[in-house]
N, C-alpha and C. Protein backbone atom coordinates (compact mmCIF):
# COMPACT_ATOMS: atom_id res chain seq x y z
N MET A 1 -35.35 -43.51 24.39
CA MET A 1 -33.94 -43.44 24.05
C MET A 1 -33.76 -42.95 22.63
N LYS A 2 -34.55 -43.54 21.68
CA LYS A 2 -34.46 -43.13 20.28
C LYS A 2 -34.83 -41.66 20.14
N LYS A 3 -35.86 -41.23 20.89
CA LYS A 3 -36.32 -39.84 20.81
C LYS A 3 -35.23 -38.91 21.31
N THR A 4 -34.57 -39.31 22.41
CA THR A 4 -33.49 -38.49 22.97
C THR A 4 -32.33 -38.39 22.00
N LEU A 5 -31.99 -39.53 21.34
CA LEU A 5 -30.90 -39.55 20.38
C LEU A 5 -31.20 -38.66 19.19
N SER A 6 -32.44 -38.70 18.72
CA SER A 6 -32.85 -37.86 17.58
C SER A 6 -32.73 -36.38 17.92
N LEU A 7 -33.19 -36.02 19.11
CA LEU A 7 -33.09 -34.63 19.53
C LEU A 7 -31.63 -34.18 19.63
N LEU A 8 -30.76 -35.09 20.10
CA LEU A 8 -29.35 -34.78 20.23
C LEU A 8 -28.73 -34.54 18.86
N ILE A 9 -29.10 -35.37 17.88
CA ILE A 9 -28.57 -35.23 16.50
C ILE A 9 -29.02 -33.89 15.91
N VAL A 10 -30.28 -33.55 16.10
CA VAL A 10 -30.81 -32.28 15.59
C VAL A 10 -30.06 -31.11 16.20
N ALA A 11 -29.80 -31.19 17.50
CA ALA A 11 -29.10 -30.12 18.20
C ALA A 11 -27.67 -29.96 17.67
N VAL A 12 -27.00 -31.10 17.42
CA VAL A 12 -25.62 -31.06 16.90
C VAL A 12 -25.59 -30.45 15.50
N VAL A 13 -26.54 -30.83 14.65
CA VAL A 13 -26.62 -30.28 13.29
C VAL A 13 -26.86 -28.78 13.33
N ALA A 14 -27.75 -28.34 14.21
CA ALA A 14 -28.05 -26.91 14.33
C ALA A 14 -26.83 -26.13 14.79
N MET A 15 -26.10 -26.67 15.76
CA MET A 15 -24.90 -25.99 16.26
C MET A 15 -23.83 -25.91 15.18
N THR A 16 -23.70 -26.99 14.40
CA THR A 16 -22.71 -27.01 13.30
C THR A 16 -23.03 -25.94 12.28
N ALA A 17 -24.31 -25.78 11.95
CA ALA A 17 -24.73 -24.77 10.97
C ALA A 17 -24.44 -23.37 11.48
N LEU A 18 -24.69 -23.13 12.77
CA LEU A 18 -24.43 -21.81 13.34
C LEU A 18 -22.96 -21.46 13.32
N VAL A 19 -22.11 -22.46 13.61
CA VAL A 19 -20.66 -22.23 13.63
C VAL A 19 -20.12 -22.06 12.22
N ALA A 20 -20.65 -22.85 11.27
CA ALA A 20 -20.14 -22.83 9.90
C ALA A 20 -20.52 -21.56 9.16
N ALA A 21 -21.68 -20.99 9.47
CA ALA A 21 -22.15 -19.81 8.71
C ALA A 21 -21.21 -18.64 8.78
N PRO A 22 -20.75 -18.22 9.97
CA PRO A 22 -19.81 -17.10 10.03
C PRO A 22 -18.51 -17.38 9.30
N LYS A 23 -18.02 -18.64 9.41
CA LYS A 23 -16.78 -18.99 8.72
C LYS A 23 -16.94 -18.85 7.22
N SER A 24 -18.08 -19.29 6.72
CA SER A 24 -18.35 -19.21 5.29
C SER A 24 -18.34 -17.76 4.83
N LYS A 25 -18.95 -16.88 5.64
CA LYS A 25 -19.01 -15.45 5.29
C LYS A 25 -17.63 -14.83 5.37
N LYS A 26 -16.86 -15.25 6.40
CA LYS A 26 -15.54 -14.69 6.60
C LYS A 26 -14.59 -15.08 5.49
N ASN A 27 -14.74 -16.32 5.00
CA ASN A 27 -13.83 -16.83 3.99
C ASN A 27 -14.23 -16.46 2.57
N ALA A 28 -15.43 -15.90 2.43
CA ALA A 28 -15.88 -15.56 1.09
C ALA A 28 -14.97 -14.49 0.50
N SER A 29 -14.48 -14.71 -0.72
CA SER A 29 -13.56 -13.76 -1.34
C SER A 29 -14.32 -12.54 -1.84
N ALA A 30 -13.67 -11.36 -1.74
CA ALA A 30 -14.29 -10.12 -2.21
C ALA A 30 -14.41 -10.13 -3.73
N GLU A 31 -15.41 -9.42 -4.21
CA GLU A 31 -15.60 -9.34 -5.66
C GLU A 31 -14.40 -8.64 -6.28
N PRO A 32 -13.82 -9.21 -7.34
CA PRO A 32 -12.67 -8.56 -7.99
C PRO A 32 -13.08 -7.25 -8.64
N ALA A 33 -12.17 -6.29 -8.68
CA ALA A 33 -12.45 -5.00 -9.31
C ALA A 33 -12.67 -5.19 -10.80
N GLN A 34 -13.59 -4.43 -11.35
CA GLN A 34 -13.89 -4.48 -12.78
C GLN A 34 -13.31 -3.23 -13.46
N PRO A 35 -12.98 -3.31 -14.75
CA PRO A 35 -12.52 -2.12 -15.47
C PRO A 35 -13.55 -1.00 -15.37
N VAL A 36 -13.07 0.22 -15.22
CA VAL A 36 -13.95 1.38 -15.16
C VAL A 36 -13.53 2.37 -16.24
N SER A 37 -14.43 2.63 -17.18
CA SER A 37 -14.16 3.59 -18.25
C SER A 37 -14.83 4.92 -17.91
N VAL A 38 -14.08 6.00 -18.07
CA VAL A 38 -14.61 7.33 -17.81
C VAL A 38 -15.52 7.74 -18.96
N LYS A 39 -16.71 8.21 -18.62
CA LYS A 39 -17.66 8.69 -19.63
C LYS A 39 -17.47 10.19 -19.81
N PHE A 40 -17.50 10.64 -21.05
CA PHE A 40 -17.32 12.05 -21.36
C PHE A 40 -18.65 12.66 -21.78
N SER A 41 -19.19 13.52 -20.91
CA SER A 41 -20.47 14.16 -21.21
C SER A 41 -20.61 15.39 -20.34
N ALA A 42 -21.64 16.18 -20.63
CA ALA A 42 -21.91 17.36 -19.80
C ALA A 42 -22.24 16.95 -18.37
N GLU A 43 -22.82 15.76 -18.19
CA GLU A 43 -23.19 15.29 -16.86
C GLU A 43 -21.98 14.83 -16.05
N THR A 44 -20.92 14.37 -16.73
CA THR A 44 -19.74 13.89 -16.01
C THR A 44 -18.61 14.91 -15.99
N PHE A 45 -18.88 16.10 -16.52
CA PHE A 45 -17.89 17.18 -16.51
C PHE A 45 -17.47 17.46 -15.07
N GLY A 46 -16.14 17.50 -14.82
CA GLY A 46 -15.67 17.67 -13.46
C GLY A 46 -15.11 19.05 -13.18
N ASP A 47 -14.12 19.46 -13.96
CA ASP A 47 -13.42 20.71 -13.69
C ASP A 47 -12.79 21.19 -14.99
N ASP A 48 -12.55 22.50 -15.05
CA ASP A 48 -12.04 23.09 -16.29
C ASP A 48 -11.09 24.22 -15.95
N ALA A 49 -10.01 24.33 -16.71
CA ALA A 49 -9.07 25.42 -16.49
C ALA A 49 -8.41 25.80 -17.80
N GLN A 50 -8.40 27.08 -18.10
CA GLN A 50 -7.69 27.61 -19.26
C GLN A 50 -8.04 26.88 -20.56
N THR A 51 -9.32 26.69 -20.80
CA THR A 51 -9.77 26.20 -22.10
C THR A 51 -10.68 27.25 -22.71
N LEU A 52 -11.05 27.06 -23.96
CA LEU A 52 -11.99 27.96 -24.62
C LEU A 52 -13.43 27.60 -24.27
N GLN A 53 -13.60 26.58 -23.44
CA GLN A 53 -14.93 26.09 -23.04
C GLN A 53 -15.78 25.79 -24.28
N ASP A 54 -15.14 25.16 -25.23
CA ASP A 54 -15.79 24.82 -26.50
C ASP A 54 -16.01 23.32 -26.62
N HIS A 55 -16.27 22.68 -25.50
CA HIS A 55 -16.36 21.22 -25.46
C HIS A 55 -17.40 20.67 -26.43
N VAL A 56 -17.00 19.66 -27.18
CA VAL A 56 -17.90 18.95 -28.08
C VAL A 56 -17.87 17.48 -27.68
N TYR A 57 -19.05 16.94 -27.37
CA TYR A 57 -19.17 15.53 -27.00
C TYR A 57 -19.56 14.76 -28.26
N ASN A 58 -18.60 14.01 -28.79
CA ASN A 58 -18.75 13.37 -30.09
C ASN A 58 -19.57 12.09 -30.04
N GLU A 59 -20.13 11.71 -31.18
CA GLU A 59 -21.00 10.54 -31.25
C GLU A 59 -20.28 9.25 -30.87
N ASP A 60 -18.95 9.21 -31.05
CA ASP A 60 -18.20 8.00 -30.73
C ASP A 60 -17.83 7.91 -29.24
N GLY A 61 -18.32 8.88 -28.44
CA GLY A 61 -18.06 8.85 -27.01
C GLY A 61 -16.87 9.67 -26.57
N SER A 62 -16.12 10.23 -27.51
CA SER A 62 -14.96 11.06 -27.18
C SER A 62 -15.39 12.49 -26.88
N VAL A 63 -14.45 13.29 -26.38
CA VAL A 63 -14.72 14.70 -26.13
C VAL A 63 -13.58 15.53 -26.73
N THR A 64 -13.93 16.67 -27.32
CA THR A 64 -12.94 17.56 -27.93
C THR A 64 -13.03 18.94 -27.28
N TYR A 65 -11.89 19.50 -26.94
CA TYR A 65 -11.85 20.85 -26.37
C TYR A 65 -10.51 21.50 -26.72
N THR A 66 -10.47 22.82 -26.63
CA THR A 66 -9.26 23.57 -26.94
C THR A 66 -8.64 24.10 -25.66
N ALA A 67 -7.38 23.73 -25.42
CA ALA A 67 -6.67 24.11 -24.20
C ALA A 67 -5.64 25.18 -24.49
N GLY A 68 -5.48 26.10 -23.52
CA GLY A 68 -4.54 27.19 -23.67
C GLY A 68 -3.26 27.00 -22.89
N PHE A 69 -2.35 27.94 -23.09
CA PHE A 69 -1.01 27.88 -22.53
C PHE A 69 -0.91 28.48 -21.13
N LYS A 70 -1.74 29.45 -20.80
CA LYS A 70 -1.57 30.26 -19.60
C LYS A 70 -1.63 29.44 -18.30
N TYR A 71 -0.92 29.95 -17.30
CA TYR A 71 -0.94 29.38 -15.94
C TYR A 71 -0.58 27.90 -15.90
N GLY A 72 0.37 27.54 -16.70
CA GLY A 72 0.84 26.15 -16.66
C GLY A 72 0.16 25.23 -17.64
N GLY A 73 -0.93 25.69 -18.24
CA GLY A 73 -1.60 24.87 -19.24
C GLY A 73 -3.00 24.46 -18.84
N GLY A 74 -3.89 24.42 -19.82
CA GLY A 74 -5.29 24.14 -19.55
C GLY A 74 -5.72 22.73 -19.88
N GLY A 75 -6.94 22.42 -19.49
CA GLY A 75 -7.51 21.10 -19.77
C GLY A 75 -8.81 20.91 -19.03
N THR A 76 -9.36 19.73 -19.12
CA THR A 76 -10.64 19.41 -18.50
C THR A 76 -10.55 18.06 -17.80
N SER A 77 -11.18 17.96 -16.65
CA SER A 77 -11.29 16.67 -15.98
C SER A 77 -12.73 16.19 -16.00
N PHE A 78 -12.90 14.88 -15.85
CA PHE A 78 -14.23 14.27 -15.84
C PHE A 78 -14.36 13.33 -14.64
N LEU A 79 -15.59 13.22 -14.16
CA LEU A 79 -15.86 12.38 -13.00
C LEU A 79 -15.64 10.91 -13.33
N ILE A 80 -15.17 10.17 -12.33
CA ILE A 80 -14.93 8.74 -12.48
C ILE A 80 -16.02 7.98 -11.73
N ASN A 81 -16.70 7.08 -12.43
CA ASN A 81 -17.72 6.25 -11.76
C ASN A 81 -18.78 7.12 -11.09
N GLY A 82 -19.34 8.05 -11.88
CA GLY A 82 -20.28 9.01 -11.33
C GLY A 82 -19.56 9.93 -10.36
N LYS A 83 -20.16 10.20 -9.22
CA LYS A 83 -19.49 11.01 -8.20
C LYS A 83 -18.79 10.14 -7.16
N ASN A 84 -18.84 8.82 -7.36
CA ASN A 84 -18.28 7.91 -6.36
C ASN A 84 -16.77 7.82 -6.41
N GLY A 85 -16.20 7.95 -7.60
CA GLY A 85 -14.76 7.77 -7.74
C GLY A 85 -14.37 6.31 -7.55
N ILE A 86 -13.08 6.07 -7.48
CA ILE A 86 -12.56 4.72 -7.26
C ILE A 86 -11.37 4.78 -6.31
N SER A 87 -11.00 3.64 -5.77
CA SER A 87 -9.78 3.53 -4.98
C SER A 87 -8.67 3.05 -5.90
N ALA A 88 -7.61 3.85 -6.02
CA ALA A 88 -6.52 3.51 -6.94
C ALA A 88 -5.87 2.18 -6.60
N LYS A 89 -5.91 1.78 -5.32
CA LYS A 89 -5.23 0.55 -4.92
C LYS A 89 -5.88 -0.70 -5.52
N GLN A 90 -7.08 -0.56 -6.06
CA GLN A 90 -7.74 -1.71 -6.69
C GLN A 90 -7.38 -1.85 -8.17
N TYR A 91 -6.56 -0.93 -8.67
CA TYR A 91 -6.25 -0.93 -10.10
C TYR A 91 -4.74 -0.87 -10.34
N LYS A 92 -4.33 -1.42 -11.47
CA LYS A 92 -2.90 -1.49 -11.79
C LYS A 92 -2.51 -0.51 -12.90
N THR A 93 -3.46 -0.23 -13.81
CA THR A 93 -3.12 0.54 -15.01
C THR A 93 -4.25 1.47 -15.40
N ILE A 94 -3.88 2.62 -15.96
CA ILE A 94 -4.85 3.49 -16.63
C ILE A 94 -4.50 3.51 -18.11
N HIS A 95 -5.46 3.15 -18.94
CA HIS A 95 -5.25 3.21 -20.39
C HIS A 95 -5.86 4.52 -20.90
N VAL A 96 -5.03 5.34 -21.55
CA VAL A 96 -5.46 6.66 -22.02
C VAL A 96 -5.17 6.79 -23.51
N GLU A 97 -6.16 7.26 -24.26
CA GLU A 97 -5.97 7.55 -25.68
C GLU A 97 -6.47 8.95 -25.99
N PHE A 98 -5.65 9.74 -26.69
CA PHE A 98 -6.10 11.06 -27.10
C PHE A 98 -5.37 11.53 -28.35
N ASP A 99 -6.00 12.46 -29.08
CA ASP A 99 -5.42 13.11 -30.25
C ASP A 99 -5.15 14.56 -29.91
N TRP A 100 -4.30 15.21 -30.67
CA TRP A 100 -4.06 16.64 -30.50
C TRP A 100 -3.74 17.30 -31.84
N GLU A 101 -3.98 18.59 -31.88
CA GLU A 101 -3.68 19.38 -33.07
C GLU A 101 -3.52 20.84 -32.66
N VAL A 102 -2.39 21.44 -33.01
CA VAL A 102 -2.17 22.83 -32.63
C VAL A 102 -3.04 23.73 -33.51
N SER A 103 -3.32 24.92 -32.97
CA SER A 103 -4.14 25.88 -33.70
C SER A 103 -3.33 26.54 -34.82
N GLU A 104 -3.89 26.59 -36.02
CA GLU A 104 -3.21 27.26 -37.14
C GLU A 104 -3.13 28.76 -36.90
N GLU A 105 -4.16 29.31 -36.25
CA GLU A 105 -4.20 30.76 -36.02
C GLU A 105 -3.43 31.16 -34.77
N ASN A 106 -3.34 30.27 -33.78
CA ASN A 106 -2.73 30.62 -32.50
C ASN A 106 -1.62 29.62 -32.16
N TRP A 107 -0.53 29.75 -32.88
CA TRP A 107 0.64 28.94 -32.59
C TRP A 107 1.87 29.74 -32.99
N SER A 108 2.60 30.23 -31.98
CA SER A 108 3.62 31.25 -32.22
C SER A 108 4.92 30.72 -32.83
N ASN A 109 5.31 29.52 -32.46
CA ASN A 109 6.61 28.99 -32.88
C ASN A 109 6.41 27.79 -33.81
N PRO A 110 6.75 27.93 -35.09
CA PRO A 110 6.52 26.82 -36.03
C PRO A 110 7.35 25.57 -35.71
N ASN A 111 8.36 25.72 -34.88
CA ASN A 111 9.20 24.57 -34.51
C ASN A 111 8.78 23.93 -33.18
N ALA A 112 7.81 24.53 -32.52
CA ALA A 112 7.40 24.02 -31.21
C ALA A 112 6.40 22.88 -31.33
N VAL A 113 6.43 21.98 -30.35
CA VAL A 113 5.45 20.89 -30.28
C VAL A 113 4.84 20.90 -28.88
N PRO A 114 3.56 20.56 -28.75
CA PRO A 114 2.92 20.59 -27.44
C PRO A 114 3.33 19.41 -26.55
N LYS A 115 3.17 19.62 -25.26
CA LYS A 115 3.46 18.59 -24.27
C LYS A 115 2.23 18.48 -23.35
N PHE A 116 2.05 17.31 -22.75
CA PHE A 116 0.81 17.03 -22.04
C PHE A 116 1.08 16.38 -20.68
N LYS A 117 0.01 16.36 -19.86
CA LYS A 117 0.06 15.62 -18.60
C LYS A 117 -1.33 15.07 -18.30
N ILE A 118 -1.35 13.92 -17.68
CA ILE A 118 -2.60 13.28 -17.26
C ILE A 118 -2.61 13.32 -15.73
N ILE A 119 -3.67 13.90 -15.18
CA ILE A 119 -3.75 14.11 -13.73
C ILE A 119 -5.05 13.53 -13.17
N GLY A 120 -4.93 12.81 -12.06
CA GLY A 120 -6.09 12.33 -11.32
C GLY A 120 -6.26 13.14 -10.05
N PHE A 121 -7.49 13.53 -9.73
CA PHE A 121 -7.78 14.37 -8.58
C PHE A 121 -8.54 13.60 -7.51
N GLY A 122 -8.30 13.96 -6.25
CA GLY A 122 -9.01 13.37 -5.14
C GLY A 122 -10.24 14.17 -4.76
N PRO A 123 -11.00 13.72 -3.77
CA PRO A 123 -12.22 14.43 -3.34
C PRO A 123 -11.92 15.87 -2.94
N GLY A 124 -12.69 16.81 -3.48
CA GLY A 124 -12.55 18.21 -3.12
C GLY A 124 -11.41 18.95 -3.79
N SER A 125 -10.59 18.28 -4.58
CA SER A 125 -9.47 18.95 -5.22
C SER A 125 -9.83 19.41 -6.63
N SER A 126 -9.03 20.34 -7.15
CA SER A 126 -9.27 20.88 -8.48
C SER A 126 -7.93 21.24 -9.09
N PHE A 127 -7.96 21.88 -10.25
CA PHE A 127 -6.71 22.24 -10.91
C PHE A 127 -5.86 23.17 -10.06
N TYR A 128 -6.48 24.02 -9.29
CA TYR A 128 -5.74 25.02 -8.53
C TYR A 128 -5.80 24.82 -7.02
N GLN A 129 -6.43 23.75 -6.57
CA GLN A 129 -6.55 23.54 -5.12
C GLN A 129 -6.58 22.05 -4.83
N GLY A 130 -5.89 21.67 -3.78
CA GLY A 130 -5.89 20.26 -3.40
C GLY A 130 -4.57 19.62 -3.77
N GLY A 131 -4.61 18.51 -4.41
CA GLY A 131 -3.40 17.81 -4.80
C GLY A 131 -3.77 16.65 -5.70
N ASP A 132 -2.76 16.03 -6.23
CA ASP A 132 -2.97 14.91 -7.15
C ASP A 132 -3.24 13.64 -6.36
N ALA A 133 -4.30 12.95 -6.72
CA ALA A 133 -4.61 11.68 -6.06
C ALA A 133 -3.72 10.57 -6.59
N ILE A 134 -3.27 10.70 -7.82
CA ILE A 134 -2.28 9.79 -8.39
C ILE A 134 -1.18 10.65 -8.99
N ASN A 135 0.02 10.11 -9.07
CA ASN A 135 1.13 10.89 -9.60
C ASN A 135 0.87 11.30 -11.04
N PRO A 136 1.15 12.57 -11.39
CA PRO A 136 0.93 13.00 -12.78
C PRO A 136 1.79 12.21 -13.76
N THR A 137 1.26 11.97 -14.95
CA THR A 137 2.00 11.32 -16.01
C THR A 137 2.24 12.34 -17.12
N TYR A 138 3.47 12.44 -17.58
CA TYR A 138 3.82 13.42 -18.59
C TYR A 138 4.06 12.75 -19.93
N PHE A 139 3.60 13.40 -20.99
CA PHE A 139 3.79 12.89 -22.34
C PHE A 139 4.27 14.03 -23.23
N ASP A 140 5.45 13.86 -23.83
CA ASP A 140 6.00 14.86 -24.73
C ASP A 140 5.79 14.40 -26.16
N SER A 141 4.98 15.14 -26.91
CA SER A 141 4.76 14.78 -28.30
C SER A 141 5.98 15.17 -29.14
N THR A 142 6.05 14.65 -30.33
CA THR A 142 7.16 14.98 -31.23
C THR A 142 6.65 15.64 -32.50
N SER A 143 5.36 15.98 -32.53
CA SER A 143 4.78 16.61 -33.71
C SER A 143 3.67 17.56 -33.29
N GLN A 144 3.26 18.44 -34.18
CA GLN A 144 2.23 19.42 -33.85
C GLN A 144 0.82 18.82 -33.90
N SER A 145 0.68 17.66 -34.46
CA SER A 145 -0.59 16.93 -34.41
C SER A 145 -0.28 15.45 -34.36
N GLY A 146 -1.19 14.68 -33.76
CA GLY A 146 -0.95 13.25 -33.68
C GLY A 146 -1.90 12.56 -32.72
N SER A 147 -1.59 11.30 -32.44
CA SER A 147 -2.39 10.47 -31.54
C SER A 147 -1.45 9.68 -30.65
N THR A 148 -1.95 9.32 -29.47
CA THR A 148 -1.15 8.46 -28.60
C THR A 148 -2.07 7.55 -27.79
N ALA A 149 -1.52 6.42 -27.39
CA ALA A 149 -2.18 5.49 -26.47
C ALA A 149 -1.17 5.18 -25.37
N LEU A 150 -1.54 5.47 -24.13
CA LEU A 150 -0.63 5.31 -23.01
C LEU A 150 -1.19 4.30 -22.01
N ASP A 151 -0.33 3.48 -21.44
CA ASP A 151 -0.69 2.61 -20.33
C ASP A 151 0.11 3.07 -19.11
N ILE A 152 -0.59 3.65 -18.16
CA ILE A 152 0.04 4.29 -17.00
C ILE A 152 -0.01 3.35 -15.80
N ASP A 153 1.14 3.05 -15.24
CA ASP A 153 1.23 2.16 -14.09
C ASP A 153 0.83 2.91 -12.81
N ILE A 154 -0.22 2.44 -12.14
CA ILE A 154 -0.63 3.03 -10.86
C ILE A 154 -0.64 1.98 -9.76
N SER A 155 0.14 0.92 -9.94
CA SER A 155 0.12 -0.20 -8.99
C SER A 155 0.62 0.18 -7.60
N THR A 156 1.35 1.30 -7.50
CA THR A 156 1.84 1.74 -6.19
C THR A 156 0.98 2.84 -5.58
N GLN A 157 -0.10 3.20 -6.26
CA GLN A 157 -0.97 4.28 -5.78
C GLN A 157 -2.10 3.69 -4.92
N SER A 158 -2.60 4.49 -3.97
CA SER A 158 -3.61 3.94 -3.06
C SER A 158 -4.73 4.92 -2.71
N LYS A 159 -4.68 6.15 -3.17
CA LYS A 159 -5.67 7.14 -2.78
C LYS A 159 -6.97 7.00 -3.56
N LYS A 160 -8.01 7.68 -3.08
CA LYS A 160 -9.27 7.73 -3.80
C LYS A 160 -9.15 8.75 -4.93
N VAL A 161 -9.64 8.39 -6.11
CA VAL A 161 -9.57 9.27 -7.27
C VAL A 161 -11.00 9.53 -7.74
N THR A 162 -11.36 10.80 -7.86
CA THR A 162 -12.73 11.14 -8.24
C THR A 162 -12.84 11.77 -9.63
N LYS A 163 -11.74 12.36 -10.12
CA LYS A 163 -11.74 13.00 -11.44
C LYS A 163 -10.39 12.75 -12.12
N ILE A 164 -10.40 12.77 -13.45
CA ILE A 164 -9.15 12.63 -14.19
C ILE A 164 -9.25 13.43 -15.48
N GLY A 165 -8.12 13.98 -15.93
CA GLY A 165 -8.16 14.79 -17.13
C GLY A 165 -6.84 14.82 -17.88
N VAL A 166 -6.92 15.25 -19.15
CA VAL A 166 -5.74 15.45 -19.99
C VAL A 166 -5.54 16.95 -20.15
N LEU A 167 -4.35 17.43 -19.80
CA LEU A 167 -4.03 18.85 -19.86
C LEU A 167 -2.78 19.07 -20.69
N VAL A 168 -2.60 20.30 -21.17
CA VAL A 168 -1.31 20.65 -21.76
C VAL A 168 -0.34 20.97 -20.64
N ASN A 169 0.92 20.66 -20.87
CA ASN A 169 1.98 20.89 -19.88
C ASN A 169 2.81 22.08 -20.35
N ALA A 170 2.29 23.26 -20.11
CA ALA A 170 2.89 24.47 -20.68
C ALA A 170 4.25 24.81 -20.10
N TRP A 171 4.54 24.39 -18.86
CA TRP A 171 5.85 24.71 -18.29
C TRP A 171 6.95 24.06 -19.11
N ARG A 172 6.82 22.77 -19.40
CA ARG A 172 7.83 22.08 -20.21
C ARG A 172 7.83 22.62 -21.64
N TRP A 173 6.68 22.88 -22.13
CA TRP A 173 6.50 23.42 -23.47
C TRP A 173 7.30 24.71 -23.62
N LYS A 174 7.18 25.59 -22.66
CA LYS A 174 7.88 26.88 -22.71
C LYS A 174 9.39 26.71 -22.56
N GLU A 175 9.80 25.85 -21.61
CA GLU A 175 11.22 25.64 -21.37
C GLU A 175 11.93 25.03 -22.57
N ASP A 176 11.25 24.08 -23.23
CA ASP A 176 11.91 23.33 -24.29
C ASP A 176 11.91 24.03 -25.64
N ASN A 177 10.80 24.69 -25.97
CA ASN A 177 10.78 25.24 -27.33
C ASN A 177 10.05 26.57 -27.46
N GLY A 178 9.95 27.32 -26.37
CA GLY A 178 9.51 28.70 -26.45
C GLY A 178 8.09 28.95 -26.89
N GLY A 179 7.12 28.49 -26.09
CA GLY A 179 5.72 28.74 -26.42
C GLY A 179 5.30 30.15 -26.07
N SER A 180 4.09 30.51 -26.49
CA SER A 180 3.53 31.82 -26.21
C SER A 180 2.24 31.66 -25.42
N GLU A 181 1.87 32.70 -24.66
CA GLU A 181 0.64 32.64 -23.87
C GLU A 181 -0.60 32.56 -24.75
N ASP A 182 -0.47 32.86 -26.01
CA ASP A 182 -1.63 32.80 -26.92
C ASP A 182 -1.75 31.46 -27.63
N ASP A 183 -0.82 30.54 -27.40
CA ASP A 183 -0.86 29.24 -28.06
C ASP A 183 -2.07 28.42 -27.63
N LEU A 184 -2.64 27.69 -28.58
CA LEU A 184 -3.81 26.85 -28.31
C LEU A 184 -3.61 25.48 -28.94
N VAL A 185 -4.14 24.45 -28.27
CA VAL A 185 -4.09 23.08 -28.78
C VAL A 185 -5.47 22.45 -28.65
N LYS A 186 -5.94 21.84 -29.73
CA LYS A 186 -7.20 21.11 -29.68
C LYS A 186 -6.91 19.67 -29.26
N ILE A 187 -7.59 19.21 -28.23
CA ILE A 187 -7.40 17.86 -27.68
C ILE A 187 -8.69 17.07 -27.84
N THR A 188 -8.58 15.85 -28.31
CA THR A 188 -9.72 14.93 -28.34
C THR A 188 -9.37 13.71 -27.49
N VAL A 189 -10.04 13.60 -26.35
CA VAL A 189 -9.81 12.45 -25.46
C VAL A 189 -10.77 11.34 -25.87
N LYS A 190 -10.21 10.21 -26.27
CA LYS A 190 -11.02 9.10 -26.79
C LYS A 190 -11.32 8.03 -25.74
N GLU A 191 -10.38 7.84 -24.80
CA GLU A 191 -10.60 6.79 -23.80
C GLU A 191 -9.73 7.04 -22.57
N ILE A 192 -10.33 6.85 -21.40
CA ILE A 192 -9.59 6.72 -20.14
C ILE A 192 -10.23 5.58 -19.37
N THR A 193 -9.50 4.50 -19.20
CA THR A 193 -10.03 3.30 -18.54
C THR A 193 -9.09 2.82 -17.45
N PHE A 194 -9.65 2.60 -16.27
CA PHE A 194 -8.88 2.02 -15.15
C PHE A 194 -8.98 0.50 -15.24
N LEU A 195 -7.81 -0.17 -15.24
CA LEU A 195 -7.78 -1.62 -15.41
C LEU A 195 -7.20 -2.29 -14.16
N PRO A 196 -7.88 -3.32 -13.63
CA PRO A 196 -7.38 -4.01 -12.43
C PRO A 196 -6.17 -4.89 -12.75
């Protein structure tokens, strides 16, 4: 009788463990998203349009390049999280910091100031093909040189983002203060970080 009871107890314990294990796995919470900072280097270079291709990767981790006015404005994008990208729905904000300075030799209108846009690209897309994985953010400067820090709300975005870049927004630039196709702006991107 005691032996039968012992076997019954062992069987009940084993069945309980089998039933509890899947529940434990099912109820386990997913790992929370961690901040992802974009690295600026020749290895993470993503796409380029209408720049002088004079990229300098600075010791402080920033990148400097000169963007032109033609075809809506130039700039450079960089890969996010290697080639893996991220899902925008896991993040609420993009923190972006960059400096700018117009070219002394190539700036046609002394009263004009540059304007910019921050664009995120999806898999297979580029400056001239595809579409924006997140809505573009526009920034209008008020001086020919300066710095800015932006916190961009992406809480309503859900697509996969593989590249992101800072570009000049030449269409607004031309409409507002009469830019020229020969105008150039030096941009130094210091930080782009996705924050959950």
